[in-house]
C-alpha cells in the first residue's frame, strides 16, 4: 500500500533544478587474509574511487535483495510499437542473472516493471536527448518523468529506479542511456533519490547494457577509455575483462577487485602478498561459486569450489596495487577467449573513465579472437598454464605453475624482480 504523498508535483519541479551531470616458500614473504592493511587501497575523492577501505554511503550497497522499479515512458509524437512487457524482457532476467552469478548469490536484483505506458507531456524531440545531454534538457526530462510516474509509483519501495523511453520515438537517442546523479537528493514519497537510470535503448538493446548502468548505482566506474575526439578504440584499458569496460565483452564478469569492494568476497578470500621472497598460493577461478558450473561440466552447478582465495594483491604505492586472479570459461565468463591468470593495475585516485583499472597484457606481441573480441590485443592477456610474466615498471613476477584436481590454479608471485 502506498504511503501518503509528502510533497507536491511542484516540489519535484523545484528539486529537479539541482541536477548534476553527472603455500609459502619461506623467508620474509607473507600471504595473509585481508585486513584493513596493508593492501587495501584507501578510497579517495575521485569519482567512483577504487579504494576498498570504506564504503561510500551515498551509494546503495548490493547485498541481499534490492527492488527496482521500471517505468515506461511514451511521448505525444509517437505510438509505441513495443509493449512494456517486451521491453522489460529485453533486460530481465538477464540483468538479475548476471548479478546473481557475479555475487555468488549474495545479491538479488528484483525488478518490478509497470504494465502500461505512462504518457509524457511533451514530444520526444523537445528533450534533445544525446550522449552528452545538456543539463537543462535532462532536468526537464526527469522533472516530467517523475511528475507522471508519481501518480502511479510509491518510490519509497524502490532503491533503484529505471526510466525506459519508447525506443521508437523520433527524439530518442540510444546513445543517451546513462545514470543521472542528483546533486541534491530528490524527496519523493518520503525517500531521498540520489540517482536514476535513464534507458533509451533500441529493441532489442545492447547486450548487458542495463547491468553496466546498474553497476554505476553501486559506485563502480567506467573502465573504458573515451578518445578525446570520440574516435578510435574505447577498450584499450581492460578489453573484454569487466562489464564496466564493455557490456559486449567476452568475459564480462566483474573483476575480483570489484567483488571485494562490493562485499561479495570474504576477507579470507583476498590475500595480501608482502615482502620480497616468492609466495605460492592457490587461486580459485573468479567465477567459481555456488550454482556456477565448473569448467567443462556444462550446466551442472555445485561443484565444491566457491570459498577459497580468489584475489591476490601486491601493493605498489600509496594509491596503487597489482591484482592477480584466475579467469576460466564459466559463469559470466563462459564465452571467454582465453583462460588463465589475469593481472591488472588498480589506481584508487584515478577518475572514472581515466583508467582506474588497467589490464596487464602478458602476451603483448599477440592478439586473439579478433572476430568477436572488443579489443583483440587484450583478449589473450592472461597467463596460460606453465607461463610466467614480470610486470613492466613494477618488478613483480607472476607464474602460473599448475592446476589442482578441483580446477583451481597454483600461482607463484615474486615481488622485487628486476625488469
Protein backbone atom coordinates (compact mmCIF):
# COMPACT_ATOMS: atom_id res chain seq x y z
CA UNK A 1 0.00 0.00 0.00
CA UNK A 2 1.33 3.44 -0.88
CA UNK A 3 2.22 5.85 1.86
CA UNK A 4 0.73 9.37 1.76
CA UNK A 5 2.48 11.79 -0.57
CA UNK A 6 4.80 14.10 1.35
CA UNK A 7 5.29 16.72 -1.36
CA UNK A 8 3.51 18.05 -4.40
CA UNK A 9 4.50 17.79 -8.05
CA UNK A 10 5.64 21.38 -7.78
CA UNK A 11 8.21 20.27 -5.23
CA UNK A 12 9.56 17.80 -7.77
CA UNK A 13 9.96 20.64 -10.25
CA UNK A 14 11.92 22.71 -7.72
CA UNK A 15 14.19 19.88 -6.63
CA UNK A 16 14.99 18.79 -10.17
CA UNK A 17 16.80 22.07 -10.75
CA UNK A 18 19.63 20.61 -8.62
CA UNK A 19 20.61 18.02 -11.25
CA UNK A 20 24.33 17.39 -11.72
CA UNK A 21 25.94 15.91 -14.86
CA UNK A 22 26.96 13.59 -13.76
CA UNK A 23 51.56 -22.19 0.44
CA UNK A 24 54.65 -20.03 1.20
CA UNK A 25 58.20 -20.82 0.03
CA UNK A 26 59.88 -19.35 3.13
CA UNK A 27 61.72 -16.19 4.01
CA UNK A 28 60.08 -12.87 4.97
CA UNK A 29 57.26 -13.00 2.43
CA UNK A 30 53.77 -13.24 3.92
CA UNK A 31 50.50 -14.37 2.36
CA UNK A 32 47.69 -13.41 4.69
CA UNK A 33 43.94 -12.98 4.69
CA UNK A 34 42.70 -9.48 4.06
CA UNK A 35 42.74 -6.96 6.87
CA UNK A 36 42.33 -3.16 6.62
CA UNK A 37 46.09 -3.03 5.97
CA UNK A 38 48.37 -3.37 4.12
CA UNK A 39 46.90 -3.97 0.66
CA UNK A 40 43.50 -2.28 0.84
CA UNK A 41 43.77 0.99 -1.03
CA UNK A 42 42.08 3.96 0.61
CA UNK A 43 39.05 5.45 -1.06
CA UNK A 44 39.92 8.85 -2.47
CA UNK A 45 37.87 11.82 -3.65
CA UNK A 46 37.96 10.54 -7.23
CA UNK A 47 34.57 9.86 -8.77
CA UNK A 48 33.87 6.13 -8.24
CA UNK A 49 37.23 5.69 -6.49
CA UNK A 50 38.59 2.13 -6.50
CA UNK A 51 39.55 2.37 -2.81
CA UNK A 52 38.28 -0.57 -0.76
CA UNK A 53 38.89 0.51 2.82
CA UNK A 54 35.42 2.00 3.24
CA UNK A 55 32.05 2.25 1.53
CA UNK A 56 30.68 5.49 0.14
CA UNK A 57 27.32 5.87 1.96
CA UNK A 58 25.92 7.94 -0.91
CA UNK A 59 25.59 4.68 -2.88
CA UNK A 60 23.41 1.63 -2.34
CA UNK A 61 25.43 -1.47 -1.49
CA UNK A 62 24.36 -4.57 -3.47
CA UNK A 63 23.93 -7.04 -0.62
CA UNK A 64 20.76 -9.06 -0.08
CA UNK A 65 17.72 -8.18 -2.20
CA UNK A 66 17.12 -4.80 -3.82
CA UNK A 67 13.87 -3.89 -5.55
CA UNK A 68 13.94 -1.91 -8.76
CA UNK A 69 11.00 -0.18 -10.41
CA UNK A 70 10.97 0.00 -14.22
CA UNK A 71 8.81 2.82 -15.59
CA UNK A 72 7.92 3.04 -19.28
CA UNK A 73 7.51 6.48 -20.89
CA UNK A 74 5.80 7.24 -24.18
CA UNK A 75 5.50 10.57 -25.98
CA UNK A 76 2.77 12.50 -27.84
CA UNK A 77 4.74 12.40 -31.10
CA UNK A 78 4.90 8.58 -31.40
CA UNK A 79 2.82 5.46 -30.98
CA UNK A 80 4.82 2.67 -29.28
CA UNK A 81 5.46 -0.39 -31.43
CA UNK A 82 6.52 -2.48 -28.42
CA UNK A 83 4.89 -3.26 -25.10
CA UNK A 84 6.28 -2.65 -21.62
CA UNK A 85 6.42 -6.41 -21.14
CA UNK A 86 8.61 -6.80 -24.24
CA UNK A 87 10.98 -4.08 -23.13
CA UNK A 88 11.20 -5.49 -19.61
CA UNK A 89 12.12 -8.88 -21.13
CA UNK A 90 14.96 -7.17 -23.00
CA UNK A 91 16.72 -6.63 -19.67
CA UNK A 92 15.32 -9.19 -17.24
CA UNK A 93 16.07 -11.84 -16.15
CA UNK A 94 19.48 -11.30 -17.88
CA UNK A 95 20.49 -8.41 -15.62
CA UNK A 96 19.43 -10.17 -12.43
CA UNK A 97 21.15 -13.37 -13.54
CA UNK A 98 24.41 -11.52 -14.20
CA UNK A 99 24.48 -10.14 -10.67
CA UNK A 100 23.36 -13.43 -9.12
CA UNK A 101 26.37 -15.16 -10.69
CA UNK A 102 28.81 -12.32 -10.10
CA UNK A 103 27.89 -12.06 -6.41
CA UNK A 104 27.82 -15.82 -5.74
CA UNK A 105 24.18 -15.42 -4.74
CA UNK A 106 24.88 -12.65 -2.23
CA UNK A 107 22.90 -10.08 -4.19
CA UNK A 108 19.49 -10.36 -5.82
CA UNK A 109 18.14 -7.62 -8.11
CA UNK A 110 14.34 -7.91 -8.17
CA UNK A 111 12.61 -5.96 -10.95
CA UNK A 112 9.10 -4.50 -10.75
CA UNK A 113 8.14 -3.34 -14.25
CA UNK A 114 4.95 -1.34 -14.71
CA UNK A 115 2.45 -2.96 -17.02
CA UNK A 116 1.49 0.08 -19.07
CA UNK A 117 2.97 3.12 -20.72
CA UNK A 118 2.93 6.48 -18.94
CA UNK A 119 2.47 9.48 -21.23
CA UNK A 120 5.00 12.32 -21.08
CA UNK A 121 3.56 15.83 -21.56
CA UNK A 122 5.92 16.92 -24.35
CA UNK A 123 7.17 15.46 -27.65
CA UNK A 124 10.28 13.31 -27.51
CA UNK A 125 12.16 15.73 -29.75
CA UNK A 126 11.70 18.57 -27.26
CA UNK A 127 14.08 16.96 -24.74
CA UNK A 128 17.10 16.99 -27.12
CA UNK A 129 18.38 13.60 -25.90
CA UNK A 130 22.00 12.75 -26.68
CA UNK A 131 25.06 11.19 -25.03
CA UNK A 132 26.41 14.45 -23.64
CA UNK A 133 22.99 15.70 -22.66
CA UNK A 134 22.52 19.38 -21.86
CA UNK A 135 21.77 19.60 -18.11
CA UNK A 136 18.67 21.76 -18.62
CA UNK A 137 17.16 19.38 -21.17
CA UNK A 138 17.98 16.40 -18.96
CA UNK A 139 16.43 18.12 -15.94
CA UNK A 140 13.27 18.83 -17.92
CA UNK A 141 13.01 15.18 -18.94
CA UNK A 142 13.40 13.90 -15.40
CA UNK A 143 11.09 16.56 -13.99
CA UNK A 144 8.33 15.44 -16.34
CA UNK A 145 9.11 11.74 -15.82
CA UNK A 146 8.85 11.97 -12.05
CA UNK A 147 5.68 14.04 -12.30
CA UNK A 148 3.84 11.47 -14.41
CA UNK A 149 5.25 8.47 -12.51
CA UNK A 150 4.48 9.89 -9.07
CA UNK A 151 0.80 9.22 -9.68
CA UNK A 152 1.48 5.53 -10.22
CA UNK A 153 4.57 4.61 -8.19
CA UNK A 154 5.38 4.57 -4.47
CA UNK A 155 9.07 5.41 -4.77
CA UNK A 156 9.69 4.65 -1.08
CA UNK A 157 9.60 0.94 -2.02
CA UNK A 158 12.36 1.09 -4.62
CA UNK A 159 16.05 1.93 -4.06
CA UNK A 160 16.62 1.55 -7.82
CA UNK A 161 14.69 3.47 -10.49
CA UNK A 162 14.78 2.80 -14.24
CA UNK A 163 13.04 5.20 -16.64
CA UNK A 164 12.63 3.43 -20.01
CA UNK A 165 11.71 5.56 -23.00
CA UNK A 166 9.77 4.36 -26.06
CA UNK A 167 12.66 3.24 -28.30
CA UNK A 168 10.79 4.16 -31.47
CA UNK A 169 10.00 7.77 -30.59
CA UNK A 170 11.79 10.12 -33.05
CA UNK A 171 13.74 12.06 -30.41
CA UNK A 172 15.06 9.05 -28.53
CA UNK A 173 18.83 8.53 -28.86
CA UNK A 174 20.05 5.07 -27.76
CA UNK A 175 23.49 6.55 -27.04
CA UNK A 176 21.98 8.66 -24.24
CA UNK A 177 21.40 5.73 -21.86
CA UNK A 178 23.14 6.58 -18.60
CA UNK A 179 22.93 7.10 -14.85
CA UNK A 180 21.94 10.62 -13.85
CA UNK A 181 23.25 11.81 -10.48
CA UNK A 182 21.31 14.33 -8.44
CA UNK A 183 23.41 16.96 -6.70
CA UNK A 184 20.69 17.22 -4.05
CA UNK A 185 18.65 14.06 -3.33
CA UNK A 186 15.10 14.28 -4.59
CA UNK A 187 12.49 13.73 -1.88
CA UNK A 188 9.75 11.51 -3.26
CA UNK A 189 7.30 9.56 -1.09
CA UNK A 190 9.44 10.22 1.95
CA UNK A 191 12.63 8.80 0.44
CA UNK A 192 15.68 10.52 -0.99
CA UNK A 193 16.51 9.61 -4.59
CA UNK A 194 20.14 10.35 -5.46
CA UNK A 195 20.38 8.81 -8.93
CA UNK A 196 18.27 7.19 -11.62
CA UNK A 197 18.97 5.19 -14.78
CA UNK A 198 17.57 6.70 -17.96
CA UNK A 199 17.20 3.98 -20.63
CA UNK A 200 16.92 4.90 -24.31
CA UNK A 201 17.97 1.56 -25.84
CA UNK A 202 16.83 0.08 -29.12
CA UNK A 203 14.65 -3.04 -29.07
CA UNK A 204 16.43 -5.40 -28.71
CA UNK A 205 19.04 -3.48 -26.74
CA UNK A 206 22.81 -3.67 -26.46
CA UNK A 207 23.90 -6.79 -24.58
CA UNK A 208 24.02 -6.35 -20.77
CA UNK A 209 23.73 -2.58 -21.09
CA UNK A 210 21.42 -2.32 -18.08
CA UNK A 211 23.80 -4.41 -15.98
CA UNK A 212 26.56 -1.93 -16.84
CA UNK A 213 24.48 1.10 -15.90
CA UNK A 214 23.29 -0.60 -12.73
CA UNK A 215 26.94 -1.06 -11.76
CA UNK A 216 27.27 2.73 -11.56
CA UNK A 217 24.48 2.75 -8.97
CA UNK A 218 26.85 0.67 -6.82
CA UNK A 219 29.75 3.15 -7.22
CA UNK A 220 31.58 1.24 -9.96
CA UNK A 221 33.49 3.36 -12.51
CA UNK A 222 33.62 3.30 -16.27
CA UNK A 223 36.69 1.29 -17.27
CA UNK A 224 36.68 2.16 -20.94
CA UNK A 225 38.87 4.83 -22.47
CA UNK A 226 36.92 7.52 -24.26
CA UNK A 227 39.02 9.11 -27.02
CA UNK A 228 39.12 12.90 -26.87
CA UNK A 229 37.67 13.25 -30.36
CA UNK A 230 35.20 10.37 -29.88
CA UNK A 231 37.09 8.34 -32.49
CA UNK A 232 39.44 5.39 -32.01
CA UNK A 233 39.31 2.38 -29.70
CA UNK A 234 37.42 2.69 -26.42
CA UNK A 235 38.53 -0.64 -24.91
CA UNK A 236 42.30 -0.27 -24.53
CA UNK A 237 42.27 -0.30 -20.71
CA UNK A 238 40.54 -3.59 -19.86
CA UNK A 239 39.29 -5.08 -23.13
CA UNK A 240 36.79 -7.88 -22.59
CA UNK A 241 37.55 -8.38 -18.90
CA UNK A 242 34.91 -6.47 -16.91
CA UNK A 243 31.36 -5.37 -17.56
CA UNK A 244 32.26 -1.81 -16.61
CA UNK A 245 34.64 -1.74 -19.53
CA UNK A 246 32.26 -3.11 -22.14
CA UNK A 247 28.91 -4.83 -21.90
CA UNK A 248 29.88 -6.61 -25.15
CA UNK A 249 32.96 -8.26 -23.57
CA UNK A 250 33.56 -11.98 -23.95
CA UNK A 251 34.45 -12.25 -20.24
CA UNK A 252 32.34 -9.54 -18.58
CA UNK A 253 32.33 -10.85 -15.01
CA UNK A 254 33.35 -8.12 -12.59
CA UNK A 255 36.98 -8.05 -11.53
CA UNK A 256 37.79 -9.66 -8.19
CA UNK A 257 38.73 -6.17 -7.01
CA UNK A 258 35.18 -5.00 -7.65
CA UNK A 259 33.72 -8.05 -5.92
CA UNK A 260 35.92 -7.19 -2.94
CA UNK A 261 34.68 -3.60 -2.95
CA UNK A 262 31.05 -4.66 -3.17
CA UNK A 263 31.31 -7.11 -0.25
CA UNK A 264 30.93 -10.31 -2.24
CA UNK A 265 34.34 -11.73 -1.19
CA UNK A 266 35.02 -12.68 2.42
CA UNK A 267 38.23 -11.23 3.94
CA UNK A 268 39.88 -14.67 3.82
CA UNK A 269 39.32 -14.81 0.06
CA UNK A 270 41.73 -11.91 -0.51
CA UNK A 271 45.48 -12.46 0.05
CA UNK A 272 47.95 -9.61 0.54
CA UNK A 273 51.36 -10.54 -0.86
CA UNK A 274 54.15 -8.84 1.10
CA UNK A 275 57.93 -8.87 1.25
CA UNK A 276 60.45 -9.77 -1.44
CA UNK A 277 60.52 -13.57 -1.28
CA UNK A 278 58.29 -15.71 -3.53
CA UNK A 279 54.79 -16.54 -2.34
CA UNK A 280 52.82 -19.54 -3.56
CA UNK A 281 49.06 -19.63 -3.31
CA UNK A 282 46.06 -21.36 -4.81
CA UNK A 283 43.53 -19.23 -6.62
CA UNK A 284 40.03 -20.41 -7.35
CA UNK A 285 38.62 -19.24 -10.66
CA UNK A 286 36.76 -15.99 -10.16
CA UNK A 287 33.52 -17.47 -11.48
CA UNK A 288 33.66 -20.43 -9.07
CA UNK A 289 30.88 -20.40 -6.53
CA UNK A 290 27.58 -21.97 -5.52
CA UNK A 291 25.43 -22.54 -8.56
CA UNK A 292 28.22 -21.78 -11.05
CA UNK A 293 29.32 -24.64 -13.32
CA UNK A 294 32.88 -25.90 -13.15
CA UNK A 295 34.89 -25.64 -16.36
CA UNK A 296 33.96 -28.48 -18.70
CA UNK A 297 30.86 -29.57 -16.73
CA UNK A 298 28.25 -27.85 -18.87
CA UNK A 299 25.39 -26.53 -16.77
CA UNK A 300 25.97 -28.71 -13.71
CA UNK A 301 26.22 -26.44 -10.64
CA UNK A 302 27.52 -27.01 -7.12
CA UNK A 303 30.99 -28.44 -7.85
CA UNK A 304 32.56 -27.67 -4.47
CA UNK A 305 34.50 -24.51 -5.25
CA UNK A 306 33.49 -21.09 -4.09
CA UNK A 307 35.01 -20.46 -0.66
CA UNK A 308 38.77 -20.31 -1.34
CA UNK A 309 41.08 -17.46 -2.23
CA UNK A 310 40.03 -15.57 -5.33
CA UNK A 311 42.19 -12.46 -5.32
CA UNK A 312 45.88 -11.76 -4.62
CA UNK A 313 47.02 -8.17 -4.16
CA UNK A 314 50.52 -6.64 -4.27
CA UNK A 315 50.66 -3.07 -3.01
CA UNK A 316 52.83 -0.98 -5.34
CA UNK A 317 52.35 2.50 -3.91
CA UNK A 318 50.22 4.66 -1.58
CA UNK A 319 47.31 4.63 -4.02
CA UNK A 320 48.23 1.77 -6.39
CA UNK A 321 48.26 -2.02 -6.41
CA UNK A 322 48.57 -5.05 -8.69
CA UNK A 323 45.75 -7.57 -8.58
CA UNK A 324 46.03 -11.21 -9.65
CA UNK A 325 43.07 -13.54 -10.25
CA UNK A 326 42.13 -16.68 -12.19
CA UNK A 327 39.65 -16.43 -15.03
CA UNK A 328 38.01 -19.53 -16.53
CA UNK A 329 35.31 -20.02 -19.14
CA UNK A 330 32.44 -20.40 -16.66
CA UNK A 331 29.57 -18.37 -15.28
CA UNK A 332 29.51 -14.85 -16.68
CA UNK A 333 32.85 -15.62 -18.37
CA UNK A 334 31.62 -18.71 -20.24
CA UNK A 335 32.46 -17.10 -23.61
CA UNK A 336 35.98 -16.04 -22.57
CA UNK A 337 38.53 -16.07 -25.39
CA UNK A 338 41.36 -17.30 -23.15
CA UNK A 339 41.58 -18.75 -19.62
CA UNK A 340 44.38 -18.23 -17.12
CA UNK A 341 45.86 -15.85 -14.59
CA UNK A 342 44.88 -12.25 -15.19
CA UNK A 343 46.95 -9.37 -13.83
CA UNK A 344 45.79 -5.77 -13.65
CA UNK A 345 46.82 -2.45 -12.14
CA UNK A 346 44.50 -0.57 -9.77
CA UNK A 347 44.71 3.19 -9.16
CA UNK A 348 42.47 4.45 -6.36
CA UNK A 349 42.94 8.10 -7.27
CA UNK A 350 42.04 7.74 -10.95
CA UNK A 351 38.67 9.07 -12.02
CA UNK A 352 36.00 7.01 -13.71
CA UNK A 353 36.95 6.80 -17.38
CA UNK A 354 40.59 7.69 -16.70
CA UNK A 355 41.91 4.13 -16.30
CA UNK A 356 41.31 3.28 -12.63
CA UNK A 357 41.94 -0.33 -13.65
CA UNK A 358 44.25 -1.37 -16.48
CA UNK A 359 44.79 -4.97 -17.57
CA UNK A 360 48.41 -6.10 -17.93
CA UNK A 361 48.96 -7.89 -21.23
CA UNK A 362 51.08 -10.99 -20.56
CA UNK A 363 51.26 -11.56 -24.35
CA UNK A 364 51.95 -8.07 -25.68
CA UNK A 365 53.01 -9.21 -29.15
CA UNK A 366 49.90 -11.23 -29.95
CA UNK A 367 46.15 -10.92 -30.05
CA UNK A 368 43.24 -13.35 -30.16
CA UNK A 369 39.57 -13.72 -31.04
CA UNK A 370 39.78 -10.69 -33.29
CA UNK A 371 36.45 -11.58 -34.89
CA UNK A 372 34.39 -11.09 -31.71
CA UNK A 373 36.59 -9.56 -29.00
CA UNK A 374 36.02 -5.91 -28.19
CA UNK A 375 39.83 -5.45 -28.12
CA UNK A 376 41.83 -8.38 -29.53
CA UNK A 377 45.25 -7.27 -28.15
CA UNK A 378 43.97 -7.91 -24.59
CA UNK A 379 41.83 -10.96 -25.35
CA UNK A 380 44.87 -13.20 -24.69
CA UNK A 381 46.14 -11.15 -21.73
CA UNK A 382 46.03 -13.94 -19.08
CA UNK A 383 48.95 -16.24 -18.33
CA UNK A 384 48.38 -19.79 -19.53
CA UNK A 385 49.44 -22.89 -17.62
CA UNK A 386 53.24 -23.02 -17.26
CA UNK A 387 53.80 -19.40 -18.28
CA UNK A 388 55.36 -16.56 -16.31
CA UNK A 389 55.46 -12.79 -16.72
CA UNK A 390 57.24 -9.91 -15.00
CA UNK A 391 55.10 -6.78 -14.89
CA UNK A 392 56.94 -3.87 -16.52
CA UNK A 393 57.65 -1.00 -14.17
CA UNK A 394 56.64 -2.98 -11.08
CA UNK A 395 59.20 -5.82 -10.98
CA UNK A 396 56.55 -8.30 -9.87
CA UNK A 397 56.83 -11.77 -11.40
CA UNK A 398 53.72 -13.96 -11.67
CA UNK A 399 53.94 -17.65 -12.60
CA UNK A 400 51.00 -19.95 -13.43
CA UNK A 401 52.53 -23.15 -12.08
CA UNK A 402 49.70 -25.68 -12.18
CA UNK A 403 46.11 -26.64 -11.56
CA UNK A 404 44.52 -28.69 -8.81
CA UNK A 405 42.10 -31.58 -9.30
CA UNK A 406 39.22 -29.21 -8.46
CA UNK A 407 40.23 -26.74 -11.16
CA UNK A 408 41.95 -24.11 -9.01
CA UNK A 409 45.21 -22.52 -10.15
CA UNK A 410 48.53 -22.68 -8.28
CA UNK A 411 50.39 -19.41 -8.64
CA UNK A 412 53.78 -18.06 -7.53
CA UNK A 413 54.16 -14.32 -7.06
CA UNK A 414 57.59 -12.78 -6.56
CA UNK A 415 57.84 -9.06 -5.81
CA UNK A 416 61.11 -7.24 -6.33
CA UNK A 417 62.23 -8.83 -9.60
CA UNK A 418 64.36 -6.56 -11.80
CA UNK A 419 62.88 -5.72 -15.18
